[in-house]
């Protein structure tokens, strides 16, 4: 099933023990991959624009906003210091709850399609202004 953009958190797929199949499905649909995975008591968020194909371009300003959000999440200890922050693949380990992982995954997914409003709401202070555009 192709995910809507923006995608509500409850629709973000749980790829725990199913990552390969979920990634292949996104690639076959030429869609941005997004998923969450349970790792013990914590969660991992993964988003990858490569699955959308060579015609899918992620703007530099979007990448800057995503990197700023990942950095803020690490500083606030909502994600582990081993976060991978792009430019086309993003991974956040150590997210404390499934609900928060879904919220962040939905925000990163929307941003990779150029919609930054959900990222601004999910990670306040992540260098994204009120209109959903990157600041600066």
Foldseek 3Di string as FASTA:
>chain_A
DDADALHQLVPAAACAVNVVVQLVVLLVVLAWGWHKYDDPQFIKIKTFNVSNDPVQDQDPQLLLLQQLQLVQCCVVVQFPPPWDRDPGITMTHGHRDSSLSSLVRSQNRNSSNPAQCSVCVSRPPSQADPVRTGHD
